[in-house]
C-alpha atoms as a PDB file:
ATOM      1  CA  MET A   1      41.792 -21.077 -56.502  1.00  0.00           C
ATOM      2  CA  GLY A   2      45.170 -22.196 -55.184  1.00  0.00           C
ATOM      3  CA  VAL A   3      46.365 -25.174 -53.218  1.00  0.00           C
ATOM      4  CA  PRO A   4      44.372 -25.976 -50.074  1.00  0.00           C
ATOM      5  CA  LEU A   5      46.322 -25.301 -46.885  1.00  0.00           C
ATOM      6  CA  PHE A   6      46.036 -28.893 -45.660  1.00  0.00           C
ATOM      7  CA  CYS A   7      47.882 -30.040 -48.811  1.00  0.00           C
ATOM      8  CA  LEU A   8      50.772 -27.688 -48.089  1.00  0.00           C
ATOM      9  CA  VAL A   9      51.087 -29.028 -44.551  1.00  0.00           C
ATOM     10  CA  PHE A  10      52.127 -32.418 -45.933  1.00  0.00           C
ATOM     11  CA  CYS A  11      55.117 -30.767 -47.640  1.00  0.00           C
ATOM     12  CA  LEU A  12      56.567 -29.952 -44.209  1.00  0.00           C
ATOM     13  CA  GLY A  13      57.596 -33.529 -43.472  1.00  0.00           C
ATOM     14  CA  SER A  14      56.849 -37.207 -43.833  1.00  0.00           C
ATOM     15  CA  SER A  15      55.414 -37.775 -40.349  1.00  0.00           C
ATOM     16  CA  ASP A  16      53.145 -35.880 -37.984  1.00  0.00           C
ATOM     17  CA  ASP A  17      56.043 -35.320 -35.581  1.00  0.00           C
ATOM     18  CA  GLU A  18      58.315 -34.002 -38.339  1.00  0.00           C
ATOM     19  CA  ARG A  19      55.600 -31.672 -39.666  1.00  0.00           C
ATOM     20  CA  ARG A  20      54.865 -30.426 -36.143  1.00  0.00           C
ATOM     21  CA  THR A  21      58.558 -29.702 -35.522  1.00  0.00           C
ATOM     22  CA  VAL A  22      59.012 -27.815 -38.801  1.00  0.00           C
ATOM     23  CA  PHE A  23      55.811 -25.820 -38.235  1.00  0.00           C
ATOM     24  CA  ARG A  24      56.886 -24.815 -34.718  1.00  0.00           C
ATOM     25  CA  GLU A  25      60.365 -23.827 -35.915  1.00  0.00           C
ATOM     26  CA  PHE A  26      58.798 -21.605 -38.544  1.00  0.00           C
ATOM     27  CA  PHE A  27      56.958 -19.618 -35.863  1.00  0.00           C
ATOM     28  CA  SER A  28      59.641 -19.752 -33.164  1.00  0.00           C
ATOM     29  CA  GLY A  29      61.582 -16.792 -34.540  1.00  0.00           C
ATOM     30  CA  GLN A  30      60.846 -13.272 -33.482  1.00  0.00           C
ATOM     31  CA  LEU A  31      60.201 -10.346 -35.786  1.00  0.00           C
ATOM     32  CA  SER A  32      62.391  -7.323 -35.352  1.00  0.00           C
ATOM     33  CA  VAL A  33      60.885  -4.130 -33.991  1.00  0.00           C
ATOM     34  CA  ALA A  34      61.448  -2.523 -37.405  1.00  0.00           C
ATOM     35  CA  ASP A  35      59.558  -5.330 -39.184  1.00  0.00           C
ATOM     36  CA  VAL A  36      56.643  -5.078 -36.764  1.00  0.00           C
ATOM     37  CA  GLU A  37      56.503  -1.303 -37.290  1.00  0.00           C
ATOM     38  CA  THR A  38      56.598  -1.752 -41.070  1.00  0.00           C
ATOM     39  CA  ILE A  39      53.754  -4.275 -40.971  1.00  0.00           C
ATOM     40  CA  ARG A  40      51.716  -2.147 -38.562  1.00  0.00           C
ATOM     41  CA  ASP A  41      52.226   1.003 -40.642  1.00  0.00           C
ATOM     42  CA  ALA A  42      51.267  -0.749 -43.876  1.00  0.00           C
ATOM     43  CA  THR A  43      48.197  -2.278 -42.257  1.00  0.00           C
ATOM     44  CA  ASN A  44      47.000   0.994 -40.746  1.00  0.00           C
ATOM     45  CA  ARG A  45      47.414   2.847 -44.043  1.00  0.00           C
ATOM     46  CA  ALA A  46      46.165   0.044 -46.315  1.00  0.00           C
ATOM     47  CA  TRP A  47      49.528  -0.141 -48.088  1.00  0.00           C
ATOM     48  CA  VAL A  48      50.849  -3.242 -49.803  1.00  0.00           C
ATOM     49  CA  LEU A  49      53.966  -5.034 -48.600  1.00  0.00           C
ATOM     50  CA  GLY A  50      56.068  -6.597 -51.319  1.00  0.00           C
ATOM     51  CA  ASN A  51      58.541  -5.814 -54.039  1.00  0.00           C
ATOM     52  CA  ASP A  52      58.078  -3.041 -56.621  1.00  0.00           C
ATOM     53  CA  ARG A  53      56.609  -5.354 -59.233  1.00  0.00           C
ATOM     54  CA  PHE A  54      53.988  -6.669 -56.796  1.00  0.00           C
ATOM     55  CA  ARG A  55      53.038  -3.168 -55.613  1.00  0.00           C
ATOM     56  CA  GLU A  56      52.775  -1.913 -59.200  1.00  0.00           C
ATOM     57  CA  THR A  57      50.499  -4.839 -60.076  1.00  0.00           C
ATOM     58  CA  ILE A  58      48.247  -4.121 -57.107  1.00  0.00           C
ATOM     59  CA  GLU A  59      48.125  -0.421 -58.017  1.00  0.00           C
ATOM     60  CA  ALA A  60      47.178  -1.243 -61.605  1.00  0.00           C
ATOM     61  CA  LEU A  61      44.448  -3.644 -60.507  1.00  0.00           C
ATOM     62  CA  SER A  62      43.022  -1.452 -57.759  1.00  0.00           C
ATOM     63  CA  GLY A  63      43.448   1.927 -59.399  1.00  0.00           C
ATOM     64  CA  ARG A  64      44.902   3.458 -56.251  1.00  0.00           C
ATOM     65  CA  ARG A  65      48.279   4.042 -54.660  1.00  0.00           C
ATOM     66  CA  SER A  66      49.499   1.042 -52.676  1.00  0.00           C
ATOM     67  CA  SER A  67      52.578   2.456 -50.924  1.00  0.00           C
ATOM     68  CA  PRO A  68      54.000   5.732 -49.657  1.00  0.00           C
ATOM     69  CA  SER A  69      56.527   6.034 -52.477  1.00  0.00           C
END
């Protein structure tokens, strides 16, 4: 099931202001053009992003190729 998102939010800081600041900082960075292209390509081709172990696990569970290589 996992941990509910609202529980994770409280790990960002001890006050609302601190949590807000940390959350904004997390999203203030910009992805590189290469990263955006990688994400877009994987999304359009239904490939999995992650390390080799993760991709191999997804391939084993789904029974289909999860990346170009």
